[in-house]
Amino acid sequence: PDAFMTALLRDIGTDSTLVYDITSLSSYSQLLPLLEYGYNRDGLDLPQINFSLIIDVQRAIPVMYECYPGSIVDVVTLKNTVCRLQAHGIRDVTLVLDRGFFSQGNLVELLREEVSFVLPASRSLKQVKELLTEAQWDLESPQYLQGFQDDPIFVKPITLMVHESPVAGFCYYDLKREQTERNLFYIRLHDLKQDLESRRIPRWRRPHEVFRERAGTMANYFSWQVDDDRFQIEIRKNAVSQRVNRMGKQIILTQSALDWQECLMVYRERDIVEKAFRMMKQDLQVMPLNAQKETTMKGFLFVTFIGLILRMQVVKKMKDAGLLEHYTVEGLFLELAKIKKIKLANGETSVTELTKKQRTILEKMGLCA
């Protein structure tokens, strides 16, 4: 796999934007050394391995992967990934990361290794909260008004100090995204309140346990009391206001030559890696990992990696050709599989008559039968 990835990176000349993320792959096997219990992204109570993937955004294909023990947290993998990229001769790229990789330790590592990156800041850090609070006072000032994809957006340059090292970034206020987030939040808030009030509390259960179970991550937005085996729910105005005031606003840090527009664009394109993980788990059926030997597992994941490259290329070509609106990948191949070559008695070959659908697919994909 390493030789293949080195050759792939060399041949395609990756020198642009790379998206990095990690997922968990579960298994019932008891013989794989890398299998350990850890944070399972699919909510399965099974041991897992952690599988990282790097995708070249410009070419829309994966270019590198790695496996880790299932108990290793995401942030620990970043240093090793940077070293592997450098070992493959990749230096002049921008690494696009998810908010889960945001920490002072990772920022220090990225700065020390002089890696260009785009990374959304988490509000868990005190300095980020202070920056966001400071920016909110004048974020809607006309001097910060910009246009992005035909929509208005406010953008203010900011600087975050990390161990006395300045990290540049931008604070964004997206009005359209704010409205979308508000609508989804209020709908969820309303529906959950109705659901909590409509169900009876089992007499054998403690009310606070039932409330926490049903409210989940929304529990902090409600206060409650019990009346005749039912919840009486009140929405906490201050908690809701604090949440709503943050909507549509985010800070993205960048150590690169990207301007605010390029920075926002490449970050929003990072969902390509999430689509790749879904493609692996659902379309390529990589889960559960059905292997009893480590060598078998590694071989299976390498074949899956190659299959992912091919499938993502097909999806990209279908998207560019306008075929994704009408076909799935399987549907397209099933349609083309109906084309047959017939060997005649004189040794010549003849292609069966093409249907209108087949001719359209071949024409748009630039293929010939």
Protein backbone atom coordinates (compact mmCIF):
# COMPACT_ATOMS: atom_id res chain seq x y z
CA PRO A 1 0.00 0.00 0.00
CA ASP A 2 2.74 2.50 0.84
CA ALA A 3 4.46 2.00 -2.52
CA PHE A 4 1.11 2.37 -4.29
CA MET A 5 0.28 5.59 -2.44
CA THR A 6 3.72 7.04 -3.09
CA ALA A 7 3.37 6.30 -6.81
CA LEU A 8 -0.19 7.69 -6.83
CA LEU A 9 0.84 10.94 -5.17
CA ARG A 10 3.80 11.27 -7.52
CA ASP A 11 1.87 10.50 -10.69
CA ILE A 12 -1.09 12.80 -10.06
CA GLY A 13 1.19 15.55 -8.76
CA THR A 14 -0.83 16.43 -5.64
CA ASP A 15 0.05 20.01 -4.75
CA SER A 16 -3.23 21.62 -3.79
CA THR A 17 -5.83 21.00 -1.07
CA LEU A 18 -6.09 17.78 0.93
CA VAL A 19 -9.00 16.94 3.24
CA TYR A 20 -8.23 14.73 6.23
CA ASP A 21 -10.63 12.89 8.52
CA ILE A 22 -10.96 9.66 10.46
CA THR A 23 -13.74 7.12 11.01
CA SER A 24 -14.23 3.88 12.91
CA LEU A 25 -14.68 0.44 11.32
CA SER A 26 -16.27 -2.14 13.63
CA SER A 27 -15.82 -5.91 13.64
CA TYR A 28 -17.04 -9.06 15.41
CA SER A 29 -13.59 -10.60 15.06
CA GLN A 30 -11.57 -11.40 18.19
CA LEU A 31 -8.26 -12.01 16.41
CA LEU A 32 -7.30 -8.60 15.01
CA PRO A 33 -4.68 -6.80 17.16
CA LEU A 34 -5.85 -3.32 16.13
CA LEU A 35 -9.41 -3.93 17.33
CA GLU A 36 -10.13 -1.99 20.53
CA TYR A 37 -13.09 -0.28 22.11
CA GLY A 38 -13.24 3.48 21.61
CA TYR A 39 -15.52 6.27 20.45
CA ASN A 40 -17.68 4.56 17.84
CA ARG A 41 -19.00 6.98 15.19
CA ASP A 42 -21.74 4.54 14.16
CA GLY A 43 -23.05 3.99 17.67
CA LEU A 44 -22.14 0.28 17.67
CA ASP A 45 -21.11 -1.56 20.82
CA LEU A 46 -18.27 -3.36 19.06
CA PRO A 47 -14.48 -3.15 19.03
CA GLN A 48 -13.13 -1.14 16.12
CA ILE A 49 -10.15 0.10 14.21
CA ASN A 50 -9.75 3.77 13.35
CA PHE A 51 -9.33 4.45 9.64
CA SER A 52 -7.99 7.79 8.40
CA LEU A 53 -8.39 9.03 4.85
CA ILE A 54 -6.87 11.89 2.85
CA ILE A 55 -8.67 13.12 -0.26
CA ASP A 56 -7.37 15.38 -3.02
CA VAL A 57 -10.22 17.90 -3.37
CA GLN A 58 -9.24 19.07 -6.85
CA ARG A 59 -9.26 15.54 -8.29
CA ALA A 60 -11.96 14.20 -5.96
CA ILE A 61 -10.11 10.96 -5.17
CA PRO A 62 -8.55 9.49 -2.00
CA VAL A 63 -4.74 9.49 -2.08
CA MET A 64 -3.71 8.08 1.30
CA TYR A 65 -5.09 6.06 4.21
CA GLU A 66 -3.88 4.61 7.49
CA CYS A 67 -5.19 2.26 10.20
CA TYR A 68 -4.89 2.88 13.96
CA PRO A 69 -5.93 0.99 17.11
CA GLY A 70 -9.56 1.68 17.93
CA SER A 71 -8.88 3.43 21.24
CA ILE A 72 -6.65 6.14 19.75
CA VAL A 73 -8.39 9.51 19.66
CA ASP A 74 -8.51 11.59 16.48
CA VAL A 75 -6.13 14.34 17.57
CA VAL A 76 -3.29 11.87 18.24
CA THR A 77 -3.23 10.78 14.60
CA LEU A 78 -2.50 14.22 13.19
CA LYS A 79 1.24 14.34 13.95
CA ASN A 80 1.76 10.92 12.34
CA THR A 81 -0.23 12.03 9.29
CA VAL A 82 1.92 15.13 8.83
CA CYS A 83 5.07 12.97 9.03
CA ARG A 84 3.69 10.49 6.47
CA LEU A 85 2.78 13.28 4.05
CA GLN A 86 6.29 14.65 4.28
CA ALA A 87 7.74 11.16 3.80
CA HIS A 88 5.70 10.90 0.59
CA GLY A 89 7.26 14.18 -0.56
CA ILE A 90 4.07 16.21 -0.01
CA ARG A 91 4.83 19.63 1.44
CA ASP A 92 3.17 22.44 -0.52
CA VAL A 93 -0.44 21.55 0.28
CA THR A 94 -3.21 22.89 2.47
CA LEU A 95 -4.62 20.39 4.95
CA VAL A 96 -8.35 20.86 5.59
CA LEU A 97 -9.39 19.52 9.00
CA ASP A 98 -12.60 19.05 10.94
CA ARG A 99 -13.43 20.84 14.18
CA GLY A 100 -12.65 17.63 16.08
CA PHE A 101 -8.94 18.21 15.42
CA PHE A 102 -8.97 21.67 17.00
CA SER A 103 -6.74 21.87 20.06
CA GLN A 104 -3.79 23.94 21.19
CA GLY A 105 -1.55 20.89 20.87
CA ASN A 106 -2.51 20.29 17.25
CA LEU A 107 -2.12 23.96 16.38
CA VAL A 108 1.36 23.99 17.90
CA GLU A 109 2.26 20.84 15.93
CA LEU A 110 0.97 22.28 12.64
CA LEU A 111 2.85 25.54 13.21
CA ARG A 112 6.07 23.74 14.16
CA GLU A 113 5.92 21.52 11.06
CA GLU A 114 5.01 24.57 8.92
CA VAL A 115 1.96 22.78 7.50
CA SER A 116 -0.58 24.96 5.70
CA PHE A 117 -4.02 24.27 7.11
CA VAL A 118 -7.66 25.32 7.29
CA LEU A 119 -9.29 24.50 10.63
CA PRO A 120 -12.57 25.69 12.21
CA ALA A 121 -12.13 26.87 15.78
CA SER A 122 -14.06 25.24 18.61
CA ARG A 123 -15.70 27.43 21.26
CA SER A 124 -14.29 25.13 23.93
CA LEU A 125 -11.16 27.30 24.00
CA LYS A 126 -11.45 30.46 26.09
CA GLN A 127 -9.53 32.58 23.56
CA VAL A 128 -11.96 31.58 20.81
CA LYS A 129 -14.97 32.60 22.90
CA GLU A 130 -13.33 35.96 23.56
CA LEU A 131 -12.54 36.46 19.87
CA LEU A 132 -16.09 35.61 18.86
CA THR A 133 -17.59 37.89 21.52
CA GLU A 134 -15.31 40.72 20.42
CA ALA A 135 -16.12 40.19 16.74
CA GLN A 136 -19.88 40.11 17.32
CA TRP A 137 -19.93 43.75 18.40
CA ASP A 138 -19.05 45.01 14.93
CA LEU A 139 -19.49 41.95 12.70
CA GLU A 140 -22.50 43.50 10.92
CA SER A 141 -20.62 46.68 10.11
CA PRO A 142 -20.79 47.56 6.38
CA GLN A 143 -17.00 47.47 6.17
CA TYR A 144 -17.10 43.68 6.64
CA LEU A 145 -19.89 43.04 4.13
CA GLN A 146 -18.92 40.70 1.28
CA GLY A 147 -20.66 38.57 -1.34
CA PHE A 148 -20.25 34.80 -1.50
CA GLN A 149 -22.04 32.64 -4.08
CA ASP A 150 -24.65 35.37 -4.68
CA ASP A 151 -25.41 35.74 -0.97
CA PRO A 152 -24.38 38.47 1.52
CA ILE A 153 -21.86 37.47 4.17
CA PHE A 154 -19.91 39.42 6.80
CA VAL A 155 -16.20 38.59 7.13
CA LYS A 156 -13.84 39.99 9.75
CA PRO A 157 -10.13 39.07 9.88
CA ILE A 158 -9.02 37.87 13.34
CA THR A 159 -5.84 36.60 14.99
CA LEU A 160 -5.61 33.85 17.61
CA MET A 161 -2.50 33.69 19.78
CA VAL A 162 -1.26 30.14 20.37
CA HIS A 163 1.70 29.93 22.76
CA GLU A 164 2.75 33.43 21.67
CA SER A 165 2.46 32.47 18.00
CA PRO A 166 -0.17 34.34 15.96
CA VAL A 167 -2.59 32.25 13.86
CA ALA A 168 -4.60 34.18 11.30
CA GLY A 169 -8.23 33.48 10.53
CA PHE A 170 -11.61 34.88 9.64
CA CYS A 171 -14.84 35.30 11.55
CA TYR A 172 -17.82 34.65 9.26
CA TYR A 173 -21.44 35.67 9.72
CA ASP A 174 -23.62 33.96 7.12
CA LEU A 175 -27.18 35.34 7.15
CA LYS A 176 -28.60 32.57 4.99
CA ARG A 177 -27.05 29.84 7.09
CA GLU A 178 -28.26 31.55 10.25
CA GLN A 179 -31.86 31.44 9.03
CA THR A 180 -31.54 27.77 8.07
CA GLU A 181 -30.06 26.89 11.45
CA ARG A 182 -32.77 28.86 13.27
CA ASN A 183 -35.57 27.10 11.40
CA LEU A 184 -34.16 23.63 12.05
CA PHE A 185 -33.48 24.43 15.71
CA TYR A 186 -36.94 25.86 16.43
CA ILE A 187 -38.68 22.99 14.65
CA ARG A 188 -36.70 20.49 16.68
CA LEU A 189 -37.34 22.45 19.90
CA HIS A 190 -41.10 22.55 19.25
CA ASP A 191 -41.40 18.90 18.23
CA LEU A 192 -39.35 17.69 21.20
CA LYS A 193 -41.44 19.75 23.66
CA GLN A 194 -44.63 18.23 22.28
CA ASP A 195 -43.15 14.73 22.37
CA LEU A 196 -42.01 15.10 26.00
CA GLU A 197 -45.41 16.37 27.13
CA SER A 198 -47.41 13.77 25.21
CA ARG A 199 -45.84 10.61 26.67
CA ARG A 200 -46.55 9.15 30.08
CA ILE A 201 -43.63 8.48 32.40
CA PRO A 202 -43.40 4.77 33.34
CA ARG A 203 -44.05 4.48 37.08
CA TRP A 204 -41.05 2.21 37.54
CA ARG A 205 -38.60 4.78 36.11
CA ARG A 206 -37.08 7.94 37.55
CA PRO A 207 -38.40 11.06 35.78
CA HIS A 208 -35.00 12.73 35.40
CA GLU A 209 -33.61 9.62 33.69
CA VAL A 210 -36.55 9.51 31.29
CA PHE A 211 -36.18 13.22 30.54
CA ARG A 212 -32.45 12.97 29.82
CA GLU A 213 -32.97 9.94 27.62
CA ARG A 214 -35.69 11.58 25.53
CA ALA A 215 -34.29 15.11 25.40
CA GLY A 216 -30.70 14.08 24.67
CA THR A 217 -28.46 16.96 23.62
CA MET A 218 -31.44 19.37 23.79
CA ALA A 219 -31.98 18.85 27.54
CA ASN A 220 -30.34 22.16 28.51
CA TYR A 221 -33.01 24.12 26.64
CA PHE A 222 -35.86 22.86 28.85
CA SER A 223 -36.95 23.03 32.47
CA TRP A 224 -39.53 20.52 33.64
CA GLN A 225 -41.73 19.20 36.41
CA VAL A 226 -43.98 16.17 36.67
CA ASP A 227 -47.76 16.34 36.87
CA ASP A 228 -49.84 13.14 36.87
CA ASP A 229 -47.15 10.95 35.21
CA ARG A 230 -46.50 13.54 32.49
CA PHE A 231 -43.87 16.20 31.96
CA GLN A 232 -44.79 19.86 32.10
CA ILE A 233 -42.16 21.55 29.96
CA GLU A 234 -40.95 25.15 29.87
CA ILE A 235 -38.43 26.41 27.30
CA ARG A 236 -35.46 28.17 28.91
CA LYS A 237 -35.33 31.53 27.15
CA ASN A 238 -31.77 32.47 28.12
CA ALA A 239 -30.31 29.15 26.99
CA VAL A 240 -32.18 29.38 23.69
CA SER A 241 -31.08 33.00 23.15
CA GLN A 242 -27.43 32.11 23.72
CA ARG A 243 -27.69 29.28 21.17
CA VAL A 244 -29.52 31.38 18.60
CA ASN A 245 -27.03 34.25 18.91
CA ARG A 246 -24.22 31.90 17.83
CA MET A 247 -26.01 30.71 14.71
CA GLY A 248 -24.54 31.57 11.34
CA LYS A 249 -21.23 32.58 12.95
CA GLN A 250 -17.98 30.68 12.89
CA ILE A 251 -14.24 31.23 13.08
CA ILE A 252 -11.98 29.46 10.60
CA LEU A 253 -8.24 29.56 11.22
CA THR A 254 -5.78 29.26 8.38
CA GLN A 255 -2.02 29.12 8.07
CA SER A 256 -1.86 29.51 4.30
CA ALA A 257 -1.97 31.98 1.44
CA LEU A 258 -5.73 31.50 1.04
CA ASP A 259 -7.94 34.56 1.23
CA TRP A 260 -11.26 34.59 3.11
CA GLN A 261 -13.24 33.36 0.09
CA GLU A 262 -10.87 30.48 -0.77
CA CYS A 263 -10.68 29.53 2.91
CA LEU A 264 -14.47 29.27 3.25
CA MET A 265 -14.82 27.45 -0.07
CA VAL A 266 -12.29 24.69 0.68
CA TYR A 267 -13.74 24.19 4.16
CA ARG A 268 -17.24 23.72 2.78
CA GLU A 269 -15.86 21.22 0.29
CA ARG A 270 -14.60 19.00 3.10
CA ASP A 271 -17.86 17.04 3.13
CA ILE A 272 -16.27 15.06 0.28
CA VAL A 273 -14.51 12.89 2.87
CA GLU A 274 -17.76 12.26 4.75
CA LYS A 275 -19.33 11.11 1.46
CA ALA A 276 -16.32 8.84 0.92
CA PHE A 277 -16.81 7.21 4.34
CA ARG A 278 -20.51 6.63 3.60
CA MET A 279 -19.53 5.16 0.25
CA MET A 280 -17.11 2.76 1.95
CA LYS A 281 -19.56 1.60 4.60
CA GLN A 282 -22.74 1.43 2.53
CA ASP A 283 -21.86 0.97 -1.14
CA LEU A 284 -18.60 -0.96 -0.76
CA GLN A 285 -19.95 -2.76 2.34
CA VAL A 286 -16.74 -2.57 4.31
CA MET A 287 -18.61 -3.11 7.60
CA PRO A 288 -18.51 -5.16 9.64
CA LEU A 289 -14.88 -6.05 8.99
CA ASN A 290 -15.08 -9.79 8.34
CA ALA A 291 -11.46 -10.84 8.72
CA GLN A 292 -9.70 -13.23 11.09
CA LYS A 293 -6.10 -12.27 10.24
CA GLU A 294 -4.39 -8.90 10.23
CA THR A 295 -2.90 -9.57 6.78
CA THR A 296 -6.38 -10.37 5.42
CA MET A 297 -7.80 -7.18 6.92
CA LYS A 298 -5.00 -5.02 5.48
CA GLY A 299 -5.42 -6.61 2.06
CA PHE A 300 -9.19 -6.07 2.18
CA LEU A 301 -8.80 -2.40 3.14
CA PHE A 302 -6.24 -1.85 0.36
CA VAL A 303 -8.64 -3.31 -2.22
CA THR A 304 -11.40 -1.15 -0.72
CA PHE A 305 -9.14 1.91 -1.08
CA ILE A 306 -8.61 1.17 -4.78
CA GLY A 307 -12.34 0.53 -5.22
CA LEU A 308 -13.06 3.87 -3.55
CA ILE A 309 -10.76 5.67 -5.98
CA LEU A 310 -12.56 4.11 -8.96
CA ARG A 311 -16.04 4.68 -7.58
CA MET A 312 -15.38 8.33 -6.70
CA GLN A 313 -14.00 8.92 -10.19
CA VAL A 314 -17.13 7.39 -11.72
CA VAL A 315 -19.35 9.55 -9.48
CA LYS A 316 -17.38 12.66 -10.48
CA LYS A 317 -17.74 11.87 -14.19
CA MET A 318 -21.45 11.14 -13.74
CA LYS A 319 -21.90 14.45 -11.90
CA ASP A 320 -20.03 16.40 -14.59
CA ALA A 321 -22.12 14.69 -17.27
CA GLY A 322 -25.41 15.43 -15.48
CA LEU A 323 -26.21 11.72 -15.03
CA LEU A 324 -26.43 11.59 -11.21
CA GLU A 325 -29.91 13.06 -11.41
CA HIS A 326 -31.11 9.97 -13.29
CA TYR A 327 -28.88 7.07 -12.24
CA THR A 328 -27.09 5.56 -9.29
CA VAL A 329 -23.66 4.07 -9.99
CA GLU A 330 -25.19 0.59 -9.88
CA GLY A 331 -28.06 1.66 -12.14
CA LEU A 332 -25.68 3.09 -14.72
CA PHE A 333 -23.54 -0.06 -14.84
CA LEU A 334 -26.62 -2.29 -15.02
CA GLU A 335 -27.81 -0.32 -18.03
CA LEU A 336 -24.43 -0.63 -19.75
CA ALA A 337 -24.16 -4.33 -18.85
CA LYS A 338 -27.04 -5.01 -21.27
CA ILE A 339 -24.72 -4.17 -24.18
CA LYS A 340 -23.37 -7.40 -25.66
CA LYS A 341 -20.69 -8.22 -28.21
CA ILE A 342 -21.57 -11.13 -30.50
CA LYS A 343 -18.91 -13.14 -32.30
CA LEU A 344 -20.09 -13.98 -35.81
CA ALA A 345 -19.35 -17.17 -37.76
CA ASN A 346 -16.76 -15.43 -39.92
CA GLY A 347 -14.80 -14.31 -36.84
CA GLU A 348 -16.02 -10.71 -36.84
CA THR A 349 -17.74 -9.16 -33.81
CA SER A 350 -20.96 -7.18 -33.69
CA VAL A 351 -22.41 -5.03 -30.91
CA THR A 352 -26.07 -5.43 -30.04
CA GLU A 353 -28.38 -2.53 -30.87
CA LEU A 354 -28.06 0.30 -28.37
CA THR A 355 -31.09 1.67 -26.56
CA LYS A 356 -31.71 5.40 -26.26
CA LYS A 357 -30.61 5.31 -22.61
CA GLN A 358 -27.38 3.52 -23.47
CA ARG A 359 -26.54 5.93 -26.28
CA THR A 360 -27.14 8.88 -23.96
CA ILE A 361 -24.89 7.43 -21.24
CA LEU A 362 -22.08 6.60 -23.66
CA GLU A 363 -22.28 10.03 -25.31
CA LYS A 364 -22.28 11.99 -22.04
CA MET A 365 -19.52 9.87 -20.47
CA GLY A 366 -17.39 10.06 -23.63
CA LEU A 367 -17.36 6.28 -24.09
CA CYS A 368 -17.82 3.97 -27.02
CA ALA A 369 -19.43 0.54 -27.12
